[in-house]
Amino acid sequence: PRPGLALRFQRRFLAARPLRSLPWPELEQSLRTAPDSALLADILHKTILHPLCVKCPPSAKYRRCFLTELIKKHESTAAEPLDELYDALADVLKEEESTHCYKNYLLPTGDCVSLSESTALISGGTTGLVTWEAALHLAQWALENPGVFRDRTILELGSGIGFTGIAICKTCQPRTFIFSDCHPRVLRQLGENIRLNGFIPEPDGTWSIHTESQGQEVEGQNCQNPKVIVAELDWGSVTEKQLLGLRADVVIAADVVYDPEIILTLTGMLQKLSTSRADRKAPEVFIAFTIRNPDTYQLFQAELDKVGIRWQMIPAHSSCNFLYDVQPDVTILQLFI
């Protein structure tokens, strides 16, 4: 299992997945069978010393706990001592804890989505500064269904810090991608993350998007570079005319259905979308959410039924979980507005 084992550590470590989800038992078994410092050195170079970790590191606390665990595993075997491990820990111990940390998600294409996140889960009164499970799930589904997005205009509601949208921009070749949120702090962080991943958001004044101009070329990007827009979008106050101006072919959202009040505003917004299409085809709508509370989920379905929006569940057949290890209870609904 050696080459695969180090890569599994890498994928989970760079995305700062919970430490307990890393393949420690397999490492122990492997070291018992053959006490080998080379395997630990390989893991160290694919994680802490990896160029991505150097450029966009997970939190200092996370790296400290990871190294401590790795050293523990090493010391419990008869393997040769490994100075590099202790040097790396000494370096991390010198660091100040920052309010921001990074998560790096390796895509099947070999590319990567790097995100700066707030180390506190809910900071500044908004939950939008971290990546939630449903965003990972929706991105996974998008990668398996790129045809839904290719050469189309996508509007994402409640983009948060941008994971799903950036993954789609990197892998599904949309023509235009509109990231949207309503919290100024989230929008700031979102813009930073979009730039961090090599995209350049269009200058402000984004509501008057009637020009079907092609995306700008960005050096080092492939030629099908989407036009990227960041819009401040308040579901309650947005007008049908503004929504019409966005000309969305596809609307997506992840983890936006988590409280009864928000469900009512979201349903109202979807109604506006449905009446604002003039003579155009209605956009396709996909909403992914983690079922934290079955009542909330049922309320959403009841509200959709009430306003006459049909919905169907999209079967989650995803087996190539390149993003996460535990399959959370995530559902994707397609809505027909």
Protein backbone atom coordinates (compact mmCIF):
# COMPACT_ATOMS: atom_id res chain seq x y z
CA PRO A 1 0.00 0.00 0.00
CA ARG A 2 3.00 2.32 0.24
CA PRO A 3 2.68 4.72 -2.70
CA GLY A 4 -1.09 4.91 -2.23
CA LEU A 5 -0.81 5.41 1.52
CA ALA A 6 1.32 8.56 1.32
CA LEU A 7 -1.05 9.99 -1.31
CA ARG A 8 -4.07 9.33 0.89
CA PHE A 9 -2.36 11.20 3.71
CA GLN A 10 -1.58 14.01 1.26
CA ARG A 11 -5.11 14.45 -0.07
CA ARG A 12 -6.67 14.60 3.38
CA PHE A 13 -3.91 16.65 4.99
CA LEU A 14 -3.85 19.37 2.31
CA ALA A 15 -7.64 19.73 2.65
CA ALA A 16 -7.22 19.83 6.47
CA ARG A 17 -9.74 17.02 6.93
CA PRO A 18 -10.22 15.95 10.57
CA LEU A 19 -6.99 14.27 11.72
CA ARG A 20 -8.85 11.17 12.89
CA SER A 21 -9.92 10.55 9.27
CA LEU A 22 -6.31 10.10 8.11
CA PRO A 23 -5.19 6.49 7.50
CA TRP A 24 -3.19 6.08 10.76
CA PRO A 25 -4.12 2.40 11.33
CA GLU A 26 -2.72 1.47 7.92
CA LEU A 27 0.44 3.42 8.64
CA GLU A 28 0.89 1.56 11.93
CA GLN A 29 0.38 -1.75 10.20
CA SER A 30 2.81 -0.87 7.45
CA LEU A 31 5.47 0.20 9.99
CA ARG A 32 4.94 -2.98 12.02
CA THR A 33 5.50 -5.10 8.93
CA ALA A 34 8.56 -3.10 7.86
CA PRO A 35 9.90 -0.33 10.14
CA ASP A 36 10.79 2.19 7.46
CA SER A 37 11.82 5.81 7.87
CA ALA A 38 11.56 6.28 4.11
CA LEU A 39 7.77 5.89 4.24
CA LEU A 40 7.52 8.55 6.97
CA ALA A 41 9.86 10.84 5.03
CA ASP A 42 7.66 10.33 1.96
CA ILE A 43 4.54 11.26 3.94
CA LEU A 44 6.33 14.32 5.37
CA HIS A 45 7.31 15.51 1.88
CA LYS A 46 3.82 14.96 0.51
CA THR A 47 2.23 16.92 3.38
CA ILE A 48 4.08 19.44 5.57
CA LEU A 49 6.92 19.99 3.09
CA HIS A 50 4.74 19.90 -0.03
CA PRO A 51 4.96 23.17 -2.05
CA LEU A 52 1.17 23.66 -1.69
CA CYS A 53 1.42 23.43 2.09
CA VAL A 54 4.32 25.86 2.10
CA LYS A 55 2.35 28.37 -0.01
CA CYS A 56 -1.14 27.80 1.46
CA PRO A 57 -0.74 26.06 4.85
CA PRO A 58 -3.49 24.51 6.99
CA SER A 59 -3.69 26.08 10.47
CA ALA A 60 -0.57 25.90 12.67
CA LYS A 61 -2.54 23.91 15.25
CA TYR A 62 -3.54 21.35 12.62
CA ARG A 63 0.05 20.95 11.37
CA ARG A 64 1.36 20.73 14.95
CA CYS A 65 -1.09 17.94 15.86
CA PHE A 66 -0.36 16.13 12.59
CA LEU A 67 3.41 16.17 13.16
CA THR A 68 3.04 15.13 16.80
CA GLU A 69 1.01 12.11 15.70
CA LEU A 70 3.47 11.26 12.92
CA ILE A 71 6.39 11.44 15.39
CA LYS A 72 4.47 9.21 17.83
CA LYS A 73 3.98 6.59 15.11
CA HIS A 74 7.66 6.82 14.20
CA GLU A 75 8.87 6.48 17.78
CA SER A 76 6.74 3.40 18.36
CA THR A 77 8.76 1.52 15.73
CA ALA A 78 12.37 0.49 15.40
CA ALA A 79 12.81 2.72 12.33
CA GLU A 80 15.88 4.92 11.92
CA PRO A 81 15.51 8.32 13.63
CA LEU A 82 14.31 11.05 11.28
CA ASP A 83 15.63 14.54 12.08
CA GLU A 84 13.44 16.12 9.41
CA LEU A 85 10.32 15.31 11.46
CA TYR A 86 11.64 17.14 14.55
CA ASP A 87 12.91 20.07 12.48
CA ALA A 88 9.48 20.45 10.89
CA LEU A 89 7.77 20.39 14.30
CA ALA A 90 10.24 22.96 15.69
CA ASP A 91 9.37 25.27 12.76
CA VAL A 92 5.62 24.96 13.34
CA LEU A 93 6.00 25.55 17.09
CA LYS A 94 7.65 28.91 16.35
CA GLU A 95 4.65 30.10 14.33
CA GLU A 96 1.94 32.41 15.62
CA GLU A 97 -1.59 31.07 15.14
CA SER A 98 -3.28 33.04 12.37
CA THR A 99 -6.99 33.92 12.07
CA HIS A 100 -6.93 32.42 8.59
CA CYS A 101 -5.76 29.10 7.30
CA TYR A 102 -5.89 27.32 3.96
CA LYS A 103 -7.46 24.19 2.60
CA ASN A 104 -6.23 22.73 -0.67
CA TYR A 105 -8.50 20.34 -2.55
CA LEU A 106 -6.77 18.26 -5.24
CA LEU A 107 -8.97 17.83 -8.30
CA PRO A 108 -8.94 14.67 -10.46
CA THR A 109 -7.54 16.81 -13.29
CA GLY A 110 -4.33 17.35 -11.32
CA ASP A 111 -5.32 20.95 -10.64
CA CYS A 112 -6.22 22.18 -7.18
CA VAL A 113 -8.64 24.56 -5.45
CA SER A 114 -6.96 26.54 -2.66
CA LEU A 115 -9.14 28.42 -0.20
CA SER A 116 -8.39 30.82 2.58
CA GLU A 117 -10.82 30.12 5.43
CA SER A 118 -11.54 31.66 8.76
CA THR A 119 -10.14 29.44 11.54
CA ALA A 120 -13.18 30.20 13.70
CA LEU A 121 -16.20 28.35 12.34
CA ILE A 122 -18.73 31.14 12.60
CA SER A 123 -16.99 34.45 12.68
CA GLY A 124 -18.37 37.93 12.30
CA GLY A 125 -21.94 36.65 12.46
CA THR A 126 -21.85 34.72 9.22
CA THR A 127 -21.45 31.02 8.52
CA GLY A 128 -20.17 31.75 5.01
CA LEU A 129 -16.47 31.85 5.87
CA VAL A 130 -15.91 28.10 5.85
CA THR A 131 -16.60 25.31 3.36
CA TRP A 132 -19.53 23.08 4.24
CA GLU A 133 -19.96 19.44 3.24
CA ALA A 134 -22.73 20.07 0.69
CA ALA A 135 -20.41 22.39 -1.28
CA LEU A 136 -17.94 19.51 -1.65
CA HIS A 137 -20.74 17.18 -2.68
CA LEU A 138 -22.14 19.58 -5.29
CA ALA A 139 -18.66 20.06 -6.77
CA GLN A 140 -18.21 16.29 -6.94
CA TRP A 141 -21.52 16.01 -8.80
CA ALA A 142 -20.56 18.86 -11.17
CA LEU A 143 -17.28 17.12 -12.04
CA GLU A 144 -19.26 14.01 -12.95
CA ASN A 145 -21.76 16.07 -15.02
CA PRO A 146 -19.72 18.79 -16.76
CA GLY A 147 -22.20 18.99 -19.64
CA VAL A 148 -24.70 20.76 -17.37
CA PHE A 149 -22.25 23.70 -17.07
CA ARG A 150 -20.20 23.76 -20.26
CA ASP A 151 -20.48 27.02 -22.22
CA ARG A 152 -23.39 28.26 -20.09
CA THR A 153 -23.98 31.10 -17.63
CA ILE A 154 -24.10 29.83 -14.06
CA LEU A 155 -25.46 31.74 -11.07
CA GLU A 156 -24.44 30.43 -7.67
CA LEU A 157 -26.51 31.54 -4.67
CA GLY A 158 -24.73 31.86 -1.32
CA SER A 159 -21.28 31.14 -2.74
CA GLY A 160 -19.60 31.49 0.65
CA ILE A 161 -15.83 31.38 0.21
CA GLY A 162 -16.15 29.94 -3.28
CA PHE A 163 -15.23 26.26 -3.30
CA THR A 164 -17.98 24.90 -5.57
CA GLY A 165 -17.77 27.72 -8.09
CA ILE A 166 -13.97 27.68 -8.35
CA ALA A 167 -14.01 23.89 -8.84
CA ILE A 168 -16.63 24.28 -11.61
CA CYS A 169 -14.67 27.12 -13.27
CA LYS A 170 -11.54 24.95 -13.28
CA THR A 171 -13.12 21.76 -14.58
CA CYS A 172 -16.46 22.33 -16.36
CA GLN A 173 -15.73 25.21 -18.78
CA PRO A 174 -18.72 27.48 -18.08
CA ARG A 175 -18.97 30.60 -20.26
CA THR A 176 -19.78 32.91 -17.31
CA PHE A 177 -19.83 32.14 -13.62
CA ILE A 178 -21.61 34.52 -11.24
CA PHE A 179 -20.64 34.03 -7.61
CA SER A 180 -23.10 35.71 -5.23
CA ASP A 181 -23.56 36.31 -1.52
CA CYS A 182 -24.98 39.03 0.68
CA HIS A 183 -22.38 39.45 3.46
CA PRO A 184 -19.67 42.04 2.73
CA ARG A 185 -17.03 40.04 4.67
CA VAL A 186 -17.85 36.87 2.78
CA LEU A 187 -17.76 38.74 -0.54
CA ARG A 188 -14.30 40.11 0.31
CA GLN A 189 -12.97 36.66 1.17
CA LEU A 190 -14.66 35.22 -1.92
CA GLY A 191 -12.92 37.73 -4.20
CA GLU A 192 -9.56 36.88 -2.60
CA ASN A 193 -10.09 33.15 -3.11
CA ILE A 194 -11.12 33.60 -6.75
CA ARG A 195 -7.89 35.55 -7.39
CA LEU A 196 -5.84 33.03 -5.39
CA ASN A 197 -6.97 30.39 -7.91
CA GLY A 198 -5.96 32.44 -10.94
CA PHE A 199 -9.28 34.00 -11.99
CA ILE A 200 -9.90 37.71 -12.27
CA PRO A 201 -13.38 38.88 -11.29
CA GLU A 202 -14.95 41.48 -13.57
CA PRO A 203 -14.93 45.03 -12.17
CA ASP A 204 -18.01 46.09 -10.17
CA GLY A 205 -21.27 47.26 -11.68
CA THR A 206 -22.15 43.66 -12.33
CA TRP A 207 -25.90 43.92 -12.69
CA SER A 208 -25.84 45.26 -16.23
CA ILE A 209 -24.51 42.11 -17.79
CA HIS A 210 -26.03 42.27 -21.22
CA THR A 211 -22.84 41.91 -23.17
CA GLU A 212 -22.08 38.32 -24.04
CA SER A 213 -18.38 39.11 -24.09
CA GLN A 214 -15.94 36.25 -23.90
CA GLY A 215 -13.97 35.60 -20.74
CA GLN A 216 -10.67 37.40 -20.43
CA GLU A 217 -7.53 35.42 -21.04
CA VAL A 218 -5.51 35.02 -17.88
CA GLU A 219 -1.91 34.04 -18.25
CA GLY A 220 -1.34 30.43 -17.28
CA GLN A 221 -5.03 29.58 -17.65
CA ASN A 222 -6.41 27.40 -20.40
CA CYS A 223 -8.10 29.10 -23.33
CA GLN A 224 -11.65 28.33 -22.21
CA ASN A 225 -11.38 30.79 -19.38
CA PRO A 226 -14.78 31.72 -17.99
CA LYS A 227 -15.86 35.26 -17.33
CA VAL A 228 -16.10 35.51 -13.54
CA ILE A 229 -18.39 37.91 -11.69
CA VAL A 230 -18.87 38.49 -7.96
CA ALA A 231 -22.31 39.94 -7.17
CA GLU A 232 -23.82 41.16 -3.93
CA LEU A 233 -27.21 39.52 -4.00
CA ASP A 234 -29.82 39.84 -1.28
CA TRP A 235 -32.58 37.31 -1.97
CA GLY A 236 -35.19 39.42 -0.23
CA SER A 237 -34.59 42.68 -2.08
CA VAL A 238 -33.33 41.57 -5.50
CA THR A 239 -35.77 42.51 -8.27
CA GLU A 240 -37.01 40.37 -11.14
CA LYS A 241 -35.42 42.84 -13.55
CA GLN A 242 -31.99 42.38 -11.90
CA LEU A 243 -32.33 38.60 -12.08
CA LEU A 244 -33.33 38.81 -15.73
CA GLY A 245 -30.17 40.85 -16.36
CA LEU A 246 -28.03 37.97 -15.10
CA ARG A 247 -29.29 35.67 -17.88
CA ALA A 248 -28.54 32.52 -15.88
CA ASP A 249 -28.90 29.16 -17.68
CA VAL A 250 -28.14 27.21 -14.51
CA VAL A 251 -28.63 28.18 -10.86
CA ILE A 252 -26.83 26.27 -8.09
CA ALA A 253 -26.62 26.54 -4.31
CA ALA A 254 -25.07 24.46 -1.54
CA ASP A 255 -25.97 24.41 2.14
CA VAL A 256 -28.32 27.38 1.94
CA VAL A 257 -31.30 25.53 3.43
CA TYR A 258 -30.51 25.50 7.12
CA ASP A 259 -33.11 27.66 8.80
CA PRO A 260 -36.85 28.25 8.36
CA GLU A 261 -36.54 32.00 7.75
CA ILE A 262 -33.98 31.50 5.00
CA ILE A 263 -36.18 28.87 3.34
CA LEU A 264 -38.99 31.38 2.89
CA THR A 265 -36.66 34.00 1.39
CA LEU A 266 -35.06 31.41 -0.88
CA THR A 267 -38.41 30.15 -2.12
CA GLY A 268 -39.47 33.74 -2.81
CA MET A 269 -36.25 34.31 -4.72
CA LEU A 270 -36.83 31.16 -6.82
CA GLN A 271 -40.32 32.42 -7.68
CA LYS A 272 -38.77 35.70 -8.88
CA LEU A 273 -36.34 33.73 -10.99
CA SER A 274 -39.17 31.78 -12.54
CA THR A 275 -41.22 34.88 -13.45
CA SER A 276 -38.20 36.89 -14.57
CA ARG A 277 -37.23 34.81 -17.53
CA ALA A 278 -39.22 36.73 -20.19
CA ASP A 279 -39.12 34.55 -23.32
CA ARG A 280 -36.07 32.56 -22.25
CA LYS A 281 -36.02 28.99 -21.12
CA ALA A 282 -36.23 28.67 -17.33
CA PRO A 283 -32.84 28.08 -15.73
CA GLU A 284 -32.02 24.60 -14.45
CA VAL A 285 -31.77 24.73 -10.65
CA PHE A 286 -29.72 22.39 -8.43
CA ILE A 287 -29.61 22.75 -4.66
CA ALA A 288 -27.42 20.59 -2.41
CA PHE A 289 -27.83 20.42 1.32
CA THR A 290 -26.74 18.49 4.35
CA ILE A 291 -29.73 17.18 6.23
CA ARG A 292 -28.88 18.51 9.68
CA ASN A 293 -32.51 18.74 10.66
CA PRO A 294 -35.18 16.67 8.85
CA ASP A 295 -37.87 19.23 9.79
CA THR A 296 -36.06 21.99 7.94
CA TYR A 297 -35.70 19.76 4.90
CA GLN A 298 -39.41 18.89 4.96
CA LEU A 299 -40.32 22.54 5.37
CA PHE A 300 -38.32 23.38 2.25
CA GLN A 301 -40.11 20.70 0.24
CA ALA A 302 -43.48 21.86 1.59
CA GLU A 303 -42.73 25.49 0.64
CA LEU A 304 -41.71 24.41 -2.87
CA ASP A 305 -44.97 22.46 -3.21
CA LYS A 306 -46.91 25.47 -1.94
CA VAL A 307 -45.56 27.81 -4.65
CA GLY A 308 -45.82 25.13 -7.34
CA ILE A 309 -42.11 24.45 -7.86
CA ARG A 310 -41.67 20.79 -8.80
CA TRP A 311 -38.56 19.01 -7.49
CA GLN A 312 -36.82 15.68 -7.78
CA MET A 313 -33.93 14.12 -5.93
CA ILE A 314 -30.74 13.50 -7.82
CA PRO A 315 -29.36 10.09 -6.88
CA ALA A 316 -25.94 10.39 -5.27
CA HIS A 317 -24.01 7.69 -7.06
CA SER A 318 -20.65 9.18 -6.37
CA SER A 319 -18.04 6.56 -5.63
CA CYS A 320 -14.89 8.50 -6.50
CA ASN A 321 -14.87 10.60 -3.37
CA PHE A 322 -11.80 12.63 -4.15
CA LEU A 323 -12.92 15.27 -1.69
CA TYR A 324 -14.00 13.62 1.50
CA ASP A 325 -13.96 10.33 3.25
CA VAL A 326 -17.17 10.20 5.22
CA GLN A 327 -20.32 10.27 3.15
CA PRO A 328 -22.40 12.88 4.95
CA ASP A 329 -26.16 12.91 4.59
CA VAL A 330 -26.21 15.24 1.60
CA THR A 331 -29.07 15.51 -0.89
CA ILE A 332 -29.13 17.30 -4.24
CA LEU A 333 -32.52 18.44 -5.46
CA GLN A 334 -33.23 19.54 -9.01
CA LEU A 335 -36.01 22.14 -9.09
CA PHE A 336 -38.26 22.89 -12.03
CA ILE A 337 -39.19 26.54 -11.88
